[in-house]
C-alpha atoms as a PDB file:
ATOM      1  CA  MET A   1      13.786  35.009 -25.125  1.00  0.00           C
ATOM      2  CA  THR A   2      14.075  31.254 -24.839  1.00  0.00           C
ATOM      3  CA  ALA A   3      15.841  28.971 -27.254  1.00  0.00           C
ATOM      4  CA  PRO A   4      13.726  26.410 -29.101  1.00  0.00           C
ATOM      5  CA  LEU A   5      13.906  22.917 -27.701  1.00  0.00           C
ATOM      6  CA  ALA A   6      15.689  20.382 -29.807  1.00  0.00           C
ATOM      7  CA  SER A   7      13.698  17.262 -30.446  1.00  0.00           C
ATOM      8  CA  ALA A   8      15.399  14.289 -28.905  1.00  0.00           C
ATOM      9  CA  SER A   9      14.636  10.684 -29.546  1.00  0.00           C
ATOM     10  CA  PRO A  10      13.458   8.721 -26.518  1.00  0.00           C
ATOM     11  CA  PRO A  11      16.172   6.734 -24.786  1.00  0.00           C
ATOM     12  CA  THR A  12      16.379   3.099 -25.695  1.00  0.00           C
ATOM     13  CA  PRO A  13      16.164   0.696 -22.793  1.00  0.00           C
ATOM     14  CA  THR A  14      19.179  -1.499 -22.203  1.00  0.00           C
ATOM     15  CA  ALA A  15      17.172  -4.339 -20.689  1.00  0.00           C
ATOM     16  CA  PRO A  16      13.606  -5.447 -21.313  1.00  0.00           C
ATOM     17  CA  THR A  17      11.331  -3.888 -18.734  1.00  0.00           C
ATOM     18  CA  SER A  18       8.091  -5.684 -19.514  1.00  0.00           C
ATOM     19  CA  ALA A  19       9.227  -9.132 -18.431  1.00  0.00           C
ATOM     20  CA  SER A  20       7.202 -10.424 -15.531  1.00  0.00           C
ATOM     21  CA  ALA A  21       8.353 -12.742 -12.766  1.00  0.00           C
ATOM     22  CA  ALA A  22       6.436 -15.577 -14.407  1.00  0.00           C
ATOM     23  CA  ASP A  23       8.336 -15.034 -17.661  1.00  0.00           C
ATOM     24  CA  ALA A  24      11.633 -15.003 -15.771  1.00  0.00           C
ATOM     25  CA  SER A  25      10.900 -18.245 -13.923  1.00  0.00           C
ATOM     26  CA  ALA A  26       9.755 -19.897 -17.143  1.00  0.00           C
ATOM     27  CA  ALA A  27      13.161 -19.154 -18.657  1.00  0.00           C
ATOM     28  CA  LEU A  28      14.992 -20.951 -15.849  1.00  0.00           C
ATOM     29  CA  PRO A  29      15.045 -24.722 -16.153  1.00  0.00           C
ATOM     30  CA  GLY A  30      13.631 -26.457 -13.094  1.00  0.00           C
ATOM     31  CA  ALA A  31      12.298 -23.223 -11.593  1.00  0.00           C
ATOM     32  CA  ALA A  32       9.031 -23.426  -9.707  1.00  0.00           C
ATOM     33  CA  PRO A  33       6.128 -21.534 -11.254  1.00  0.00           C
ATOM     34  CA  VAL A  34       5.327 -18.204  -9.656  1.00  0.00           C
ATOM     35  CA  PRO A  35       1.943 -18.327  -7.920  1.00  0.00           C
ATOM     36  CA  PRO A  36      -0.527 -15.561  -8.706  1.00  0.00           C
ATOM     37  CA  ALA A  37      -0.716 -12.665  -6.273  1.00  0.00           C
ATOM     38  CA  PRO A  38      -3.457 -12.973  -3.649  1.00  0.00           C
ATOM     39  CA  SER A  39      -6.670 -11.078  -4.338  1.00  0.00           C
ATOM     40  CA  ILE A  40      -7.159  -7.684  -2.762  1.00  0.00           C
ATOM     41  CA  HIS A  41      -9.652  -9.243  -0.322  1.00  0.00           C
ATOM     42  CA  VAL A  42      -7.141 -11.848   0.863  1.00  0.00           C
ATOM     43  CA  ARG A  43      -4.475  -9.143   1.232  1.00  0.00           C
ATOM     44  CA  ALA A  44      -6.893  -7.034   3.284  1.00  0.00           C
ATOM     45  CA  VAL A  45      -7.672  -9.942   5.636  1.00  0.00           C
ATOM     46  CA  ILE A  46      -3.995 -10.851   6.035  1.00  0.00           C
ATOM     47  CA  THR A  47      -3.083  -7.211   6.691  1.00  0.00           C
ATOM     48  CA  TRP A  48      -5.842  -6.857   9.282  1.00  0.00           C
ATOM     49  CA  THR A  49      -4.696 -10.120  10.866  1.00  0.00           C
ATOM     50  CA  ALA A  50      -1.255  -8.549  11.315  1.00  0.00           C
ATOM     51  CA  ILE A  51      -2.311  -5.044  12.345  1.00  0.00           C
ATOM     52  CA  PHE A  52      -5.101  -5.717  14.859  1.00  0.00           C
ATOM     53  CA  PRO A  53      -3.079  -7.780  17.370  1.00  0.00           C
ATOM     54  CA  LEU A  54      -0.108  -5.418  17.084  1.00  0.00           C
ATOM     55  CA  VAL A  55      -2.295  -2.385  17.788  1.00  0.00           C
ATOM     56  CA  ALA A  56      -4.091  -4.110  20.664  1.00  0.00           C
ATOM     57  CA  ILE A  57      -0.832  -5.243  22.277  1.00  0.00           C
ATOM     58  CA  GLY A  58       0.770  -1.865  21.617  1.00  0.00           C
ATOM     59  CA  MET A  59      -2.125  -0.002  23.227  1.00  0.00           C
ATOM     60  CA  LEU A  60      -2.044  -2.220  26.304  1.00  0.00           C
ATOM     61  CA  ALA A  61       1.735  -2.043  26.650  1.00  0.00           C
ATOM     62  CA  ALA A  62       2.023   1.696  26.081  1.00  0.00           C
ATOM     63  CA  ALA A  63      -1.067   2.803  28.032  1.00  0.00           C
ATOM     64  CA  PRO A  64       0.772   3.402  31.329  1.00  0.00           C
ATOM     65  CA  LEU A  65       3.488   5.394  29.541  1.00  0.00           C
ATOM     66  CA  MET A  66       1.121   7.540  27.486  1.00  0.00           C
ATOM     67  CA  GLU A  67      -1.630   8.108  30.033  1.00  0.00           C
ATOM     68  CA  GLY A  68      -1.657  11.905  29.897  1.00  0.00           C
ATOM     69  CA  TRP A  69      -0.802  12.241  26.206  1.00  0.00           C
ATOM     70  CA  PRO A  70      -3.249  13.671  23.663  1.00  0.00           C
ATOM     71  CA  PRO A  71      -4.915  10.925  21.574  1.00  0.00           C
ATOM     72  CA  VAL A  72      -3.330  12.107  18.326  1.00  0.00           C
ATOM     73  CA  LEU A  73       0.163  11.872  19.818  1.00  0.00           C
ATOM     74  CA  ARG A  74      -0.628   8.392  21.157  1.00  0.00           C
ATOM     75  CA  ALA A  75      -1.780   7.291  17.711  1.00  0.00           C
ATOM     76  CA  LEU A  76       1.323   8.800  16.108  1.00  0.00           C
ATOM     77  CA  VAL A  77       3.734   6.994  18.423  1.00  0.00           C
ATOM     78  CA  LEU A  78       1.810   3.732  18.213  1.00  0.00           C
ATOM     79  CA  THR A  79       1.755   3.762  14.406  1.00  0.00           C
ATOM     80  CA  LEU A  80       5.452   4.665  14.286  1.00  0.00           C
ATOM     81  CA  VAL A  81       6.096   1.333  16.006  1.00  0.00           C
ATOM     82  CA  VAL A  82       3.295  -0.876  14.668  1.00  0.00           C
ATOM     83  CA  VAL A  83       3.549  -0.124  10.942  1.00  0.00           C
ATOM     84  CA  PRO A  84       7.254  -0.996  10.489  1.00  0.00           C
ATOM     85  CA  VAL A  85       6.878  -4.107  12.662  1.00  0.00           C
ATOM     86  CA  ALA A  86       3.916  -5.210  10.566  1.00  0.00           C
ATOM     87  CA  VAL A  87       5.456  -4.380   7.184  1.00  0.00           C
ATOM     88  CA  TYR A  88       8.931  -5.771   7.750  1.00  0.00           C
ATOM     89  CA  LEU A  89       8.366  -8.630  10.195  1.00  0.00           C
ATOM     90  CA  VAL A  90       4.781  -9.864  10.443  1.00  0.00           C
ATOM     91  CA  LEU A  91       3.261  -9.445   6.971  1.00  0.00           C
ATOM     92  CA  PRO A  92       6.061 -11.211   5.048  1.00  0.00           C
ATOM     93  CA  ARG A  93       5.664 -14.227   7.342  1.00  0.00           C
ATOM     94  CA  LEU A  94       1.877 -14.226   6.995  1.00  0.00           C
ATOM     95  CA  PHE A  95       2.078 -13.997   3.196  1.00  0.00           C
ATOM     96  CA  ALA A  96       4.685 -16.775   3.134  1.00  0.00           C
ATOM     97  CA  GLY A  97       2.364 -18.907   5.258  1.00  0.00           C
ATOM     98  CA  TYR A  98      -0.517 -18.157   2.914  1.00  0.00           C
ATOM     99  CA  GLY A  99       1.636 -19.179  -0.056  1.00  0.00           C
ATOM    100  CA  LEU A 100       2.573 -22.416   1.704  1.00  0.00           C
ATOM    101  CA  LEU A 101      -1.094 -23.097   2.408  1.00  0.00           C
ATOM    102  CA  LEU A 102      -1.943 -22.587  -1.266  1.00  0.00           C
ATOM    103  CA  ARG A 103       0.888 -24.845  -2.419  1.00  0.00           C
ATOM    104  CA  ARG A 104      -0.252 -27.611  -0.043  1.00  0.00           C
ATOM    105  CA  ARG A 105      -3.837 -27.255  -1.184  1.00  0.00           C
ATOM    106  CA  ASN A 106      -2.818 -27.351  -4.856  1.00  0.00           C
ATOM    107  CA  SER A 107      -0.541 -30.371  -4.335  1.00  0.00           C
ATOM    108  CA  ARG A 108      -3.388 -32.284  -2.647  1.00  0.00           C
ATOM    109  CA  ARG A 109      -5.698 -31.478  -5.542  1.00  0.00           C
ATOM    110  CA  THR A 110      -3.231 -32.766  -8.116  1.00  0.00           C
ATOM    111  CA  LYS A 111      -2.487 -35.993  -6.181  1.00  0.00           C
ATOM    112  CA  GLY A 112      -5.951 -37.243  -5.802  1.00  0.00           C
END
């Protein structure tokens, strides 16, 4: 026989959790406004721009080493290298470049 569950009140948060990055930057004097996130289509193009060259270079570089390997094992090893390189090195730089491009475009629009 099980004991009845005692009703407990939900825990109260110690810090507000619904504050967005835009709200946080608005609270800081002199902070730059946070640009909106790129659309899913822009993210897809930027991600493909990072992944395709890495896969192509990886396939060419690893082909002599993996000549007799089954295709699934080749794909596994290639993705074990390409995905972290893309996620941690290439994509942050591409997204930063995209943000810089947007800031330049917006500054030109406001100047003239």
